[in-house]
Amino acid sequence: MPTVLRIFGLRVVIYPNDHRPAHVHVQGNGCEAVFDLHCPGGPSELRENYGFPKKDLIRIAGALATELDQLCAIWREIHGPRY
């Protein structure tokens, strides 16, 4: 599972064998959250949360918004243009 970005000491991961829609897994501190990217225009949206406090989720969402273009491009590199 390639780490495609690090934010606030957390790993942002895109699994090579994952499914649509385009999304990332944010992992760290014993927690994980999944954000749908809504490529190409965003905004990202929290889909699942396993343990992150709400204030952390807000910070993560903001950081993902800043990197949305890059994350969508990486998703397409890994999964192909039809995703």
N, C-alpha and C. Protein backbone atom coordinates (compact mmCIF):
# COMPACT_ATOMS: atom_id res chain seq x y z
N MET A 1 0.83 -1.17 0.00
CA MET A 1 0.00 0.00 0.00
C MET A 1 0.88 1.23 0.00
N PRO A 2 0.89 1.96 -1.09
CA PRO A 2 1.79 3.10 -1.17
C PRO A 2 1.27 4.29 -0.37
N THR A 3 2.16 4.85 0.42
CA THR A 3 1.88 6.11 1.08
C THR A 3 2.11 7.19 0.04
N VAL A 4 1.08 7.96 -0.27
CA VAL A 4 1.19 8.97 -1.32
C VAL A 4 1.39 10.37 -0.77
N LEU A 5 1.17 10.53 0.54
CA LEU A 5 1.29 11.84 1.17
C LEU A 5 1.38 11.64 2.67
N ARG A 6 2.03 12.57 3.33
CA ARG A 6 2.04 12.59 4.80
C ARG A 6 1.53 13.95 5.25
N ILE A 7 0.56 13.93 6.16
CA ILE A 7 0.02 15.17 6.72
C ILE A 7 -0.09 15.01 8.23
N PHE A 8 0.40 15.98 8.96
CA PHE A 8 0.32 15.97 10.43
C PHE A 8 0.83 14.67 11.03
N GLY A 9 1.84 14.07 10.40
CA GLY A 9 2.39 12.81 10.89
C GLY A 9 1.54 11.59 10.55
N LEU A 10 0.52 11.77 9.72
CA LEU A 10 -0.36 10.68 9.32
C LEU A 10 -0.03 10.25 7.90
N ARG A 11 -0.32 9.01 7.58
CA ARG A 11 -0.10 8.49 6.23
C ARG A 11 -1.39 8.61 5.42
N VAL A 12 -1.25 9.08 4.19
CA VAL A 12 -2.37 9.09 3.25
C VAL A 12 -2.05 8.01 2.24
N VAL A 13 -2.93 7.01 2.12
CA VAL A 13 -2.65 5.79 1.37
C VAL A 13 -3.70 5.60 0.28
N ILE A 14 -3.25 5.14 -0.89
CA ILE A 14 -4.13 4.67 -1.94
C ILE A 14 -3.74 3.22 -2.23
N TYR A 15 -4.66 2.31 -2.00
CA TYR A 15 -4.39 0.89 -2.24
C TYR A 15 -4.43 0.60 -3.74
N PRO A 16 -3.47 -0.14 -4.28
CA PRO A 16 -3.44 -0.43 -5.71
C PRO A 16 -4.61 -1.29 -6.18
N ASN A 17 -5.15 -2.13 -5.32
CA ASN A 17 -6.23 -3.03 -5.73
C ASN A 17 -7.58 -2.58 -5.20
N ASP A 18 -7.73 -1.29 -4.95
CA ASP A 18 -8.95 -0.78 -4.34
C ASP A 18 -10.02 -0.49 -5.38
N HIS A 19 -11.18 -0.11 -4.95
CA HIS A 19 -12.37 0.06 -5.79
C HIS A 19 -12.70 1.55 -5.95
N ARG A 20 -13.58 1.81 -6.90
CA ARG A 20 -14.10 3.17 -7.05
C ARG A 20 -15.13 3.44 -5.95
N PRO A 21 -15.43 4.68 -5.68
CA PRO A 21 -14.90 5.90 -6.28
C PRO A 21 -13.50 6.20 -5.75
N ALA A 22 -12.84 7.16 -6.40
CA ALA A 22 -11.51 7.57 -5.96
C ALA A 22 -11.56 8.01 -4.49
N HIS A 23 -10.67 7.45 -3.70
CA HIS A 23 -10.65 7.78 -2.27
C HIS A 23 -9.27 7.51 -1.69
N VAL A 24 -9.05 8.02 -0.50
CA VAL A 24 -7.80 7.79 0.23
C VAL A 24 -8.13 7.29 1.63
N HIS A 25 -7.17 6.55 2.18
CA HIS A 25 -7.22 6.11 3.56
C HIS A 25 -6.19 6.95 4.32
N VAL A 26 -6.62 7.54 5.41
CA VAL A 26 -5.71 8.32 6.26
C VAL A 26 -5.50 7.51 7.52
N GLN A 27 -4.23 7.22 7.84
CA GLN A 27 -3.92 6.29 8.93
C GLN A 27 -2.87 6.88 9.86
N GLY A 28 -3.07 6.64 11.14
CA GLY A 28 -2.07 7.03 12.13
C GLY A 28 -2.67 7.12 13.51
N ASN A 29 -1.82 7.05 14.51
CA ASN A 29 -2.24 7.14 15.91
C ASN A 29 -3.31 6.10 16.26
N GLY A 30 -3.26 4.94 15.59
CA GLY A 30 -4.22 3.88 15.86
C GLY A 30 -5.60 4.13 15.26
N CYS A 31 -5.70 5.13 14.38
CA CYS A 31 -6.98 5.50 13.78
C CYS A 31 -6.89 5.37 12.26
N GLU A 32 -8.06 5.34 11.63
CA GLU A 32 -8.11 5.35 10.17
C GLU A 32 -9.40 6.05 9.74
N ALA A 33 -9.30 6.83 8.66
CA ALA A 33 -10.48 7.46 8.06
C ALA A 33 -10.37 7.30 6.55
N VAL A 34 -11.51 7.22 5.90
CA VAL A 34 -11.57 7.11 4.45
C VAL A 34 -12.30 8.34 3.92
N PHE A 35 -11.67 9.01 2.97
CA PHE A 35 -12.25 10.19 2.35
C PHE A 35 -12.44 9.94 0.86
N ASP A 36 -13.67 10.10 0.36
CA ASP A 36 -13.91 10.10 -1.07
C ASP A 36 -13.38 11.42 -1.62
N LEU A 37 -12.69 11.36 -2.76
CA LEU A 37 -12.05 12.55 -3.32
C LEU A 37 -12.96 13.37 -4.21
N HIS A 38 -13.94 12.75 -4.83
CA HIS A 38 -14.83 13.44 -5.79
C HIS A 38 -14.02 14.12 -6.88
N CYS A 39 -13.11 13.36 -7.47
CA CYS A 39 -12.26 13.88 -8.55
C CYS A 39 -13.12 14.22 -9.76
N PRO A 40 -12.76 15.23 -10.49
CA PRO A 40 -11.57 16.06 -10.32
C PRO A 40 -11.81 17.31 -9.49
N GLY A 41 -13.05 17.68 -9.22
CA GLY A 41 -13.31 18.98 -8.62
C GLY A 41 -13.47 19.02 -7.12
N GLY A 42 -13.62 17.84 -6.49
CA GLY A 42 -13.77 17.82 -5.04
C GLY A 42 -15.12 18.39 -4.62
N PRO A 43 -15.27 18.72 -3.38
CA PRO A 43 -14.33 18.54 -2.29
C PRO A 43 -14.32 17.10 -1.78
N SER A 44 -13.26 16.76 -1.06
CA SER A 44 -13.23 15.43 -0.46
C SER A 44 -14.32 15.37 0.62
N GLU A 45 -14.75 14.14 0.90
CA GLU A 45 -15.84 13.95 1.85
C GLU A 45 -15.54 12.72 2.71
N LEU A 46 -15.69 12.88 4.00
CA LEU A 46 -15.48 11.78 4.92
C LEU A 46 -16.52 10.69 4.65
N ARG A 47 -16.03 9.46 4.45
CA ARG A 47 -16.92 8.32 4.24
C ARG A 47 -16.95 7.40 5.46
N GLU A 48 -15.78 7.18 6.06
CA GLU A 48 -15.69 6.29 7.22
C GLU A 48 -14.68 6.87 8.19
N ASN A 49 -14.94 6.68 9.48
CA ASN A 49 -14.00 7.12 10.50
C ASN A 49 -13.90 6.05 11.57
N TYR A 50 -12.67 5.69 11.88
CA TYR A 50 -12.40 4.71 12.93
C TYR A 50 -11.44 5.33 13.93
N GLY A 51 -11.98 6.22 14.77
CA GLY A 51 -11.23 6.69 15.91
C GLY A 51 -10.73 8.12 15.90
N PHE A 52 -10.70 8.80 14.78
CA PHE A 52 -10.21 10.18 14.77
C PHE A 52 -11.23 11.11 15.44
N PRO A 53 -10.76 12.01 16.31
CA PRO A 53 -11.66 13.03 16.86
C PRO A 53 -12.11 13.99 15.75
N LYS A 54 -13.26 14.61 15.96
CA LYS A 54 -13.83 15.51 14.96
C LYS A 54 -12.86 16.63 14.57
N LYS A 55 -12.15 17.21 15.55
CA LYS A 55 -11.23 18.31 15.23
C LYS A 55 -10.11 17.84 14.31
N ASP A 56 -9.65 16.61 14.47
CA ASP A 56 -8.63 16.07 13.59
C ASP A 56 -9.18 15.84 12.18
N LEU A 57 -10.42 15.37 12.10
CA LEU A 57 -11.04 15.15 10.79
C LEU A 57 -11.17 16.45 10.01
N ILE A 58 -11.47 17.53 10.70
CA ILE A 58 -11.58 18.85 10.05
C ILE A 58 -10.22 19.27 9.50
N ARG A 59 -9.17 19.10 10.29
CA ARG A 59 -7.81 19.43 9.83
C ARG A 59 -7.40 18.56 8.65
N ILE A 60 -7.69 17.28 8.73
CA ILE A 60 -7.33 16.35 7.65
C ILE A 60 -8.07 16.74 6.37
N ALA A 61 -9.36 17.01 6.47
CA ALA A 61 -10.14 17.39 5.29
C ALA A 61 -9.56 18.65 4.64
N GLY A 62 -9.14 19.61 5.44
CA GLY A 62 -8.53 20.82 4.90
C GLY A 62 -7.25 20.53 4.17
N ALA A 63 -6.42 19.67 4.74
CA ALA A 63 -5.15 19.31 4.10
C ALA A 63 -5.39 18.55 2.81
N LEU A 64 -6.37 17.65 2.80
CA LEU A 64 -6.69 16.91 1.59
C LEU A 64 -7.20 17.84 0.50
N ALA A 65 -7.97 18.85 0.88
CA ALA A 65 -8.48 19.82 -0.11
C ALA A 65 -7.32 20.54 -0.79
N THR A 66 -6.30 20.87 -0.04
CA THR A 66 -5.13 21.55 -0.59
C THR A 66 -4.40 20.67 -1.60
N GLU A 67 -4.42 19.36 -1.39
CA GLU A 67 -3.68 18.41 -2.22
C GLU A 67 -4.58 17.64 -3.20
N LEU A 68 -5.83 18.08 -3.37
CA LEU A 68 -6.80 17.32 -4.14
C LEU A 68 -6.33 17.00 -5.56
N ASP A 69 -5.81 18.00 -6.28
CA ASP A 69 -5.36 17.75 -7.65
C ASP A 69 -4.29 16.67 -7.70
N GLN A 70 -3.34 16.75 -6.79
CA GLN A 70 -2.26 15.75 -6.74
C GLN A 70 -2.82 14.38 -6.40
N LEU A 71 -3.71 14.29 -5.44
CA LEU A 71 -4.27 13.00 -5.04
C LEU A 71 -5.09 12.37 -6.17
N CYS A 72 -5.85 13.18 -6.89
CA CYS A 72 -6.62 12.66 -8.03
C CYS A 72 -5.69 12.16 -9.12
N ALA A 73 -4.60 12.88 -9.36
CA ALA A 73 -3.63 12.45 -10.38
C ALA A 73 -2.97 11.13 -9.97
N ILE A 74 -2.64 10.99 -8.71
CA ILE A 74 -2.03 9.74 -8.23
C ILE A 74 -3.02 8.59 -8.34
N TRP A 75 -4.29 8.85 -7.97
CA TRP A 75 -5.31 7.80 -8.11
C TRP A 75 -5.37 7.32 -9.56
N ARG A 76 -5.38 8.26 -10.52
CA ARG A 76 -5.44 7.89 -11.94
C ARG A 76 -4.18 7.13 -12.37
N GLU A 77 -3.01 7.50 -11.85
CA GLU A 77 -1.77 6.78 -12.18
C GLU A 77 -1.86 5.33 -11.71
N ILE A 78 -2.41 5.13 -10.52
CA ILE A 78 -2.47 3.79 -9.95
C ILE A 78 -3.59 2.96 -10.59
N HIS A 79 -4.75 3.57 -10.81
CA HIS A 79 -5.94 2.83 -11.23
C HIS A 79 -6.32 3.02 -12.69
N GLY A 80 -5.67 3.94 -13.37
CA GLY A 80 -6.00 4.19 -14.77
C GLY A 80 -7.01 5.32 -14.92
N PRO A 81 -7.13 5.83 -16.13
CA PRO A 81 -7.94 7.03 -16.37
C PRO A 81 -9.44 6.81 -16.19
N ARG A 82 -9.93 5.58 -16.29
CA ARG A 82 -11.38 5.38 -16.16
C ARG A 82 -11.86 5.54 -14.74
N TYR A 83 -10.95 5.63 -13.80
CA TYR A 83 -11.34 5.84 -12.41
C TYR A 83 -11.31 7.30 -12.11
